[in-house]
PDB file of all heavy atoms in Angstrom:
ATOM      1  N   ALA A   1     -14.844 -18.628   2.161  1.00  0.00           N
ATOM      2  CA  ALA A   1     -14.505 -17.574   3.115  1.00  0.00           C
ATOM      3  C   ALA A   1     -13.013 -17.559   3.405  1.00  0.00           C
ATOM      4  O   ALA A   1     -12.379 -16.492   3.463  1.00  0.00           O
ATOM      5  CB  ALA A   1     -15.300 -17.764   4.409  1.00  0.00           C
ATOM      6  N   VAL A   2     -12.431 -18.748   3.589  1.00  0.00           N
ATOM      7  CA  VAL A   2     -10.989 -18.835   3.871  1.00  0.00           C
ATOM      8  C   VAL A   2     -10.181 -18.301   2.693  1.00  0.00           C
ATOM      9  O   VAL A   2      -9.234 -17.520   2.868  1.00  0.00           O
ATOM     10  CB  VAL A   2     -10.590 -20.291   4.194  1.00  0.00           C
ATOM     11  CG1 VAL A   2      -9.060 -20.424   4.250  1.00  0.00           C
ATOM     12  CG2 VAL A   2     -11.213 -20.741   5.500  1.00  0.00           C
ATOM     13  N   ILE A   3     -10.565 -18.729   1.480  1.00  0.00           N
ATOM     14  CA  ILE A   3      -9.855 -18.263   0.288  1.00  0.00           C
ATOM     15  C   ILE A   3      -9.990 -16.754   0.136  1.00  0.00           C
ATOM     16  O   ILE A   3      -9.038 -16.060  -0.213  1.00  0.00           O
ATOM     17  CB  ILE A   3     -10.385 -18.992  -0.971  1.00  0.00           C
ATOM     18  CG1 ILE A   3     -10.018 -20.479  -0.909  1.00  0.00           C
ATOM     19  CG2 ILE A   3      -9.822 -18.349  -2.233  1.00  0.00           C
ATOM     20  CD1 ILE A   3     -10.625 -21.307  -2.018  1.00  0.00           C
ATOM     21  N   SER A   4     -11.175 -16.220   0.435  1.00  0.00           N
ATOM     22  CA  SER A   4     -11.413 -14.774   0.329  1.00  0.00           C
ATOM     23  C   SER A   4     -10.510 -14.003   1.288  1.00  0.00           C
ATOM     24  O   SER A   4      -9.936 -12.964   0.933  1.00  0.00           O
ATOM     25  CB  SER A   4     -12.880 -14.451   0.627  1.00  0.00           C
ATOM     26  OG  SER A   4     -13.726 -15.039  -0.334  1.00  0.00           O
ATOM     27  N   VAL A   5     -10.396 -14.524   2.519  1.00  0.00           N
ATOM     28  CA  VAL A   5      -9.532 -13.859   3.507  1.00  0.00           C
ATOM     29  C   VAL A   5      -8.093 -13.842   3.026  1.00  0.00           C
ATOM     30  O   VAL A   5      -7.388 -12.828   3.144  1.00  0.00           O
ATOM     31  CB  VAL A   5      -9.647 -14.564   4.886  1.00  0.00           C
ATOM     32  CG1 VAL A   5      -8.565 -14.056   5.841  1.00  0.00           C
ATOM     33  CG2 VAL A   5     -11.018 -14.338   5.479  1.00  0.00           C
ATOM     34  N   ILE A   6      -7.635 -14.948   2.476  1.00  0.00           N
ATOM     35  CA  ILE A   6      -6.257 -15.037   1.973  1.00  0.00           C
ATOM     36  C   ILE A   6      -6.034 -14.048   0.838  1.00  0.00           C
ATOM     37  O   ILE A   6      -5.022 -13.337   0.794  1.00  0.00           O
ATOM     38  CB  ILE A   6      -5.940 -16.477   1.515  1.00  0.00           C
ATOM     39  CG1 ILE A   6      -5.936 -17.423   2.729  1.00  0.00           C
ATOM     40  CG2 ILE A   6      -4.594 -16.522   0.790  1.00  0.00           C
ATOM     41  CD1 ILE A   6      -5.830 -18.891   2.350  1.00  0.00           C
ATOM     42  N   ILE A   7      -6.991 -13.992  -0.093  1.00  0.00           N
ATOM     43  CA  ILE A   7      -6.873 -13.080  -1.230  1.00  0.00           C
ATOM     44  C   ILE A   7      -6.850 -11.630  -0.764  1.00  0.00           C
ATOM     45  O   ILE A   7      -6.031 -10.824  -1.228  1.00  0.00           O
ATOM     46  CB  ILE A   7      -8.022 -13.313  -2.240  1.00  0.00           C
ATOM     47  CG1 ILE A   7      -7.859 -14.675  -2.911  1.00  0.00           C
ATOM     48  CG2 ILE A   7      -8.054 -12.188  -3.282  1.00  0.00           C
ATOM     49  CD1 ILE A   7      -9.033 -15.067  -3.787  1.00  0.00           C
ATOM     50  N   ILE A   8      -7.732 -11.293   0.168  1.00  0.00           N
ATOM     51  CA  ILE A   8      -7.782  -9.926   0.694  1.00  0.00           C
ATOM     52  C   ILE A   8      -6.463  -9.570   1.370  1.00  0.00           C
ATOM     53  O   ILE A   8      -5.941  -8.463   1.205  1.00  0.00           O
ATOM     54  CB  ILE A   8      -8.966  -9.769   1.676  1.00  0.00           C
ATOM     55  CG1 ILE A   8     -10.285  -9.819   0.904  1.00  0.00           C
ATOM     56  CG2 ILE A   8      -8.853  -8.450   2.444  1.00  0.00           C
ATOM     57  CD1 ILE A   8     -11.515  -9.899   1.802  1.00  0.00           C
ATOM     58  N   ALA A   9      -5.896 -10.512   2.133  1.00  0.00           N
ATOM     59  CA  ALA A   9      -4.623 -10.266   2.820  1.00  0.00           C
ATOM     60  C   ALA A   9      -3.504 -10.022   1.817  1.00  0.00           C
ATOM     61  O   ALA A   9      -2.661  -9.136   2.003  1.00  0.00           O
ATOM     62  CB  ALA A   9      -4.283 -11.454   3.719  1.00  0.00           C
ATOM     63  N   ILE A  10      -3.496 -10.825   0.730  1.00  0.00           N
ATOM     64  CA  ILE A  10      -2.468 -10.663  -0.298  1.00  0.00           C
ATOM     65  C   ILE A  10      -2.600  -9.298  -0.970  1.00  0.00           C
ATOM     66  O   ILE A  10      -1.610  -8.587  -1.173  1.00  0.00           O
ATOM     67  CB  ILE A  10      -2.564 -11.798  -1.344  1.00  0.00           C
ATOM     68  CG1 ILE A  10      -2.165 -13.136  -0.703  1.00  0.00           C
ATOM     69  CG2 ILE A  10      -1.672 -11.481  -2.552  1.00  0.00           C
ATOM     70  CD1 ILE A  10      -2.416 -14.336  -1.599  1.00  0.00           C
ATOM     71  N   ILE A  11      -3.827  -8.926  -1.307  1.00  0.00           N
ATOM     72  CA  ILE A  11      -4.059  -7.627  -1.952  1.00  0.00           C
ATOM     73  C   ILE A  11      -3.643  -6.492  -1.022  1.00  0.00           C
ATOM     74  O   ILE A  11      -2.991  -5.532  -1.434  1.00  0.00           O
ATOM     75  CB  ILE A  11      -5.542  -7.479  -2.358  1.00  0.00           C
ATOM     76  CG1 ILE A  11      -5.883  -8.457  -3.476  1.00  0.00           C
ATOM     77  CG2 ILE A  11      -5.842  -6.038  -2.791  1.00  0.00           C
ATOM     78  CD1 ILE A  11      -7.366  -8.500  -3.823  1.00  0.00           C
ATOM     79  N   TYR A  12      -4.007  -6.606   0.258  1.00  0.00           N
ATOM     80  CA  TYR A  12      -3.666  -5.560   1.228  1.00  0.00           C
ATOM     81  C   TYR A  12      -2.148  -5.399   1.336  1.00  0.00           C
ATOM     82  O   TYR A  12      -1.621  -4.286   1.308  1.00  0.00           O
ATOM     83  CB  TYR A  12      -4.253  -5.894   2.594  1.00  0.00           C
ATOM     84  CG  TYR A  12      -3.839  -4.917   3.671  1.00  0.00           C
ATOM     85  CD1 TYR A  12      -4.479  -3.686   3.803  1.00  0.00           C
ATOM     86  CD2 TYR A  12      -2.797  -5.228   4.554  1.00  0.00           C
ATOM     87  CE1 TYR A  12      -4.106  -2.782   4.778  1.00  0.00           C
ATOM     88  CE2 TYR A  12      -2.416  -4.327   5.531  1.00  0.00           C
ATOM     89  CZ  TYR A  12      -3.066  -3.111   5.643  1.00  0.00           C
ATOM     90  OH  TYR A  12      -2.684  -2.232   6.594  1.00  0.00           O
ATOM     91  N   ASN A  13      -1.448  -6.525   1.455  1.00  0.00           N
ATOM     92  CA  ASN A  13       0.011  -6.467   1.595  1.00  0.00           C
ATOM     93  C   ASN A  13       0.675  -5.939   0.336  1.00  0.00           C
ATOM     94  O   ASN A  13       1.706  -5.267   0.389  1.00  0.00           O
ATOM     95  CB  ASN A  13       0.567  -7.849   1.937  1.00  0.00           C
ATOM     96  CG  ASN A  13       0.232  -8.262   3.356  1.00  0.00           C
ATOM     97  OD1 ASN A  13       0.137  -7.415   4.237  1.00  0.00           O
ATOM     98  ND2 ASN A  13       0.035  -9.558   3.589  1.00  0.00           N
ATOM     99  N   THR A  14       0.062  -6.228  -0.815  1.00  0.00           N
ATOM    100  CA  THR A  14       0.615  -5.729  -2.071  1.00  0.00           C
ATOM    101  C   THR A  14       0.445  -4.227  -2.188  1.00  0.00           C
ATOM    102  O   THR A  14       1.353  -3.498  -2.607  1.00  0.00           O
ATOM    103  CB  THR A  14      -0.082  -6.419  -3.270  1.00  0.00           C
ATOM    104  OG1 THR A  14       0.112  -7.823  -3.174  1.00  0.00           O
ATOM    105  CG2 THR A  14       0.498  -5.909  -4.589  1.00  0.00           C
ATOM    106  N   LEU A  15      -0.733  -3.734  -1.782  1.00  0.00           N
ATOM    107  CA  LEU A  15      -1.014  -2.306  -1.892  1.00  0.00           C
ATOM    108  C   LEU A  15      -0.361  -1.503  -0.769  1.00  0.00           C
ATOM    109  O   LEU A  15      -0.092  -0.309  -0.930  1.00  0.00           O
ATOM    110  CB  LEU A  15      -2.524  -2.074  -1.867  1.00  0.00           C
ATOM    111  CG  LEU A  15      -3.306  -2.633  -3.058  1.00  0.00           C
ATOM    112  CD1 LEU A  15      -4.798  -2.372  -2.859  1.00  0.00           C
ATOM    113  CD2 LEU A  15      -2.830  -2.019  -4.369  1.00  0.00           C
ATOM    114  N   ASN A  16      -0.116  -2.167   0.368  1.00  0.00           N
ATOM    115  CA  ASN A  16       0.427  -1.466   1.520  1.00  0.00           C
ATOM    116  C   ASN A  16       1.947  -1.362   1.438  1.00  0.00           C
ATOM    117  O   ASN A  16       2.685  -1.709   2.355  1.00  0.00           O
ATOM    118  CB  ASN A  16       0.010  -2.189   2.811  1.00  0.00           C
ATOM    119  CG  ASN A  16       0.243  -1.334   4.040  1.00  0.00           C
ATOM    120  OD1 ASN A  16       0.165  -0.119   3.969  1.00  0.00           O
ATOM    121  ND2 ASN A  16       0.533  -1.992   5.155  1.00  0.00           N
ATOM    122  N   VAL A  17       2.423  -0.876   0.307  1.00  0.00           N
ATOM    123  CA  VAL A  17       3.855  -0.726   0.056  1.00  0.00           C
ATOM    124  C   VAL A  17       4.321   0.583   0.694  1.00  0.00           C
ATOM    125  O   VAL A  17       3.612   1.585   0.685  1.00  0.00           O
ATOM    126  CB  VAL A  17       4.137  -0.711  -1.464  1.00  0.00           C
ATOM    127  CG1 VAL A  17       5.618  -0.490  -1.725  1.00  0.00           C
ATOM    128  CG2 VAL A  17       3.689  -2.019  -2.081  1.00  0.00           C
ATOM    129  N   TYR A  18       5.519   0.541   1.241  1.00  0.00           N
ATOM    130  CA  TYR A  18       6.084   1.741   1.860  1.00  0.00           C
ATOM    131  C   TYR A  18       6.136   2.892   0.863  1.00  0.00           C
ATOM    132  O   TYR A  18       6.655   2.755  -0.238  1.00  0.00           O
ATOM    133  CB  TYR A  18       7.496   1.422   2.373  1.00  0.00           C
ATOM    134  CG  TYR A  18       8.298   2.654   2.709  1.00  0.00           C
ATOM    135  CD1 TYR A  18       7.998   3.426   3.830  1.00  0.00           C
ATOM    136  CD2 TYR A  18       9.352   3.063   1.901  1.00  0.00           C
ATOM    137  CE1 TYR A  18       8.732   4.555   4.142  1.00  0.00           C
ATOM    138  CE2 TYR A  18      10.093   4.190   2.206  1.00  0.00           C
ATOM    139  CZ  TYR A  18       9.778   4.925   3.335  1.00  0.00           C
ATOM    140  OH  TYR A  18      10.501   6.053   3.633  1.00  0.00           O
ATOM    141  N   GLN A  19       5.581   4.017   1.250  1.00  0.00           N
ATOM    142  CA  GLN A  19       5.589   5.218   0.427  1.00  0.00           C
ATOM    143  C   GLN A  19       6.383   6.302   1.147  1.00  0.00           C
ATOM    144  O   GLN A  19       5.979   6.756   2.222  1.00  0.00           O
ATOM    145  CB  GLN A  19       4.154   5.711   0.176  1.00  0.00           C
ATOM    146  CG  GLN A  19       3.315   4.783  -0.672  1.00  0.00           C
ATOM    147  CD  GLN A  19       3.773   4.751  -2.123  1.00  0.00           C
ATOM    148  OE1 GLN A  19       4.319   5.723  -2.626  1.00  0.00           O
ATOM    149  NE2 GLN A  19       3.541   3.644  -2.783  1.00  0.00           N
ATOM    150  N   PRO A  20       7.530   6.723   0.613  1.00  0.00           N
ATOM    151  CA  PRO A  20       8.317   7.762   1.290  1.00  0.00           C
ATOM    152  C   PRO A  20       7.586   9.100   1.295  1.00  0.00           C
ATOM    153  O   PRO A  20       6.742   9.374   0.433  1.00  0.00           O
ATOM    154  CB  PRO A  20       9.601   7.839   0.451  1.00  0.00           C
ATOM    155  CG  PRO A  20       9.193   7.329  -0.903  1.00  0.00           C
ATOM    156  CD  PRO A  20       8.142   6.284  -0.646  1.00  0.00           C
ATOM    157  N   LEU A  21       7.915   9.918   2.261  1.00  0.00           N
ATOM    158  CA  LEU A  21       7.331  11.258   2.316  1.00  0.00           C
ATOM    159  C   LEU A  21       7.881  12.107   1.173  1.00  0.00           C
ATOM    160  O   LEU A  21       9.014  11.915   0.733  1.00  0.00           O
ATOM    161  CB  LEU A  21       7.694  11.921   3.652  1.00  0.00           C
ATOM    162  CG  LEU A  21       7.200  11.237   4.920  1.00  0.00           C
ATOM    163  CD1 LEU A  21       7.705  11.996   6.140  1.00  0.00           C
ATOM    164  CD2 LEU A  21       5.683  11.133   4.945  1.00  0.00           C
ATOM    165  N   PRO A  22       7.099  13.066   0.691  1.00  0.00           N
ATOM    166  CA  PRO A  22       7.609  13.958  -0.366  1.00  0.00           C
ATOM    167  C   PRO A  22       8.737  14.833   0.161  1.00  0.00           C
ATOM    168  O   PRO A  22       8.841  15.070   1.370  1.00  0.00           O
ATOM    169  CB  PRO A  22       6.377  14.801  -0.729  1.00  0.00           C
ATOM    170  CG  PRO A  22       5.512  14.753   0.487  1.00  0.00           C
ATOM    171  CD  PRO A  22       5.720  13.400   1.095  1.00  0.00           C
ATOM    172  N   ILE A  23       9.562  15.294  -0.749  1.00  0.00           N
ATOM    173  CA  ILE A  23      10.591  16.294  -0.434  1.00  0.00           C
ATOM    174  C   ILE A  23      10.086  17.606  -1.005  1.00  0.00           C
ATOM    175  O   ILE A  23      10.008  17.777  -2.218  1.00  0.00           O
ATOM    176  CB  ILE A  23      11.953  15.926  -1.043  1.00  0.00           C
ATOM    177  CG1 ILE A  23      12.430  14.581  -0.480  1.00  0.00           C
ATOM    178  CG2 ILE A  23      12.977  17.021  -0.764  1.00  0.00           C
ATOM    179  CD1 ILE A  23      13.686  14.053  -1.161  1.00  0.00           C
ATOM    180  N   PHE A  24       9.708  18.520  -0.138  1.00  0.00           N
ATOM    181  CA  PHE A  24       9.067  19.744  -0.589  1.00  0.00           C
ATOM    182  C   PHE A  24      10.083  20.734  -1.151  1.00  0.00           C
ATOM    183  O   PHE A  24      11.085  21.058  -0.503  1.00  0.00           O
ATOM    184  CB  PHE A  24       8.278  20.396   0.549  1.00  0.00           C
ATOM    185  CG  PHE A  24       7.005  19.677   0.871  1.00  0.00           C
ATOM    186  CD1 PHE A  24       6.973  18.707   1.864  1.00  0.00           C
ATOM    187  CD2 PHE A  24       5.843  19.947   0.165  1.00  0.00           C
ATOM    188  CE1 PHE A  24       5.799  18.027   2.156  1.00  0.00           C
ATOM    189  CE2 PHE A  24       4.666  19.275   0.454  1.00  0.00           C
ATOM    190  CZ  PHE A  24       4.646  18.312   1.450  1.00  0.00           C
ATOM    191  N   GLN A  25       9.785  21.204  -2.356  1.00  0.00           N
ATOM    192  CA  GLN A  25      10.579  22.239  -3.018  1.00  0.00           C
ATOM    193  C   GLN A  25       9.711  23.496  -3.133  1.00  0.00           C
ATOM    194  O   GLN A  25       8.474  23.406  -3.147  1.00  0.00           O
ATOM    195  CB  GLN A  25      11.011  21.773  -4.407  1.00  0.00           C
ATOM    196  CG  GLN A  25      11.784  20.460  -4.428  1.00  0.00           C
ATOM    197  CD  GLN A  25      13.118  20.545  -3.719  1.00  0.00           C
ATOM    198  OE1 GLN A  25      13.693  21.622  -3.561  1.00  0.00           O
ATOM    199  NE2 GLN A  25      13.636  19.396  -3.299  1.00  0.00           N
ATOM    200  N   PRO A  26      10.327  24.661  -3.217  1.00  0.00           N
ATOM    201  CA  PRO A  26       9.542  25.904  -3.298  1.00  0.00           C
ATOM    202  C   PRO A  26       8.484  25.907  -4.390  1.00  0.00           C
ATOM    203  O   PRO A  26       7.389  26.432  -4.203  1.00  0.00           O
ATOM    204  CB  PRO A  26      10.614  26.967  -3.531  1.00  0.00           C
ATOM    205  CG  PRO A  26      11.819  26.419  -2.843  1.00  0.00           C
ATOM    206  CD  PRO A  26      11.773  24.932  -3.101  1.00  0.00           C
ATOM    207  N   ASN A  27       8.793  25.309  -5.550  1.00  0.00           N
ATOM    208  CA  ASN A  27       7.838  25.354  -6.653  1.00  0.00           C
ATOM    209  C   ASN A  27       6.631  24.429  -6.436  1.00  0.00           C
ATOM    210  O   ASN A  27       5.658  24.491  -7.179  1.00  0.00           O
ATOM    211  CB  ASN A  27       8.535  24.996  -7.975  1.00  0.00           C
ATOM    212  CG  ASN A  27       8.807  23.512  -8.116  1.00  0.00           C
ATOM    213  OD1 ASN A  27       9.295  22.867  -7.179  1.00  0.00           O
ATOM    214  ND2 ASN A  27       8.511  22.951  -9.270  1.00  0.00           N
ATOM    215  N   MET A  28       6.690  23.588  -5.393  1.00  0.00           N
ATOM    216  CA  MET A  28       5.580  22.686  -5.090  1.00  0.00           C
ATOM    217  C   MET A  28       4.548  23.342  -4.179  1.00  0.00           C
ATOM    218  O   MET A  28       3.480  22.781  -3.931  1.00  0.00           O
ATOM    219  CB  MET A  28       6.110  21.417  -4.408  1.00  0.00           C
ATOM    220  CG  MET A  28       7.044  20.593  -5.266  1.00  0.00           C
ATOM    221  SD  MET A  28       7.919  19.320  -4.300  1.00  0.00           S
ATOM    222  CE  MET A  28       6.566  18.359  -3.645  1.00  0.00           C
TER     223      MET A  28
END
């Protein structure tokens, strides 16, 4: 259980990377 929690936390932090907002252009 402890190892699972650690693995889940690592995966979450890896996937939870900052994603900038799009810059909207007319053709979008």
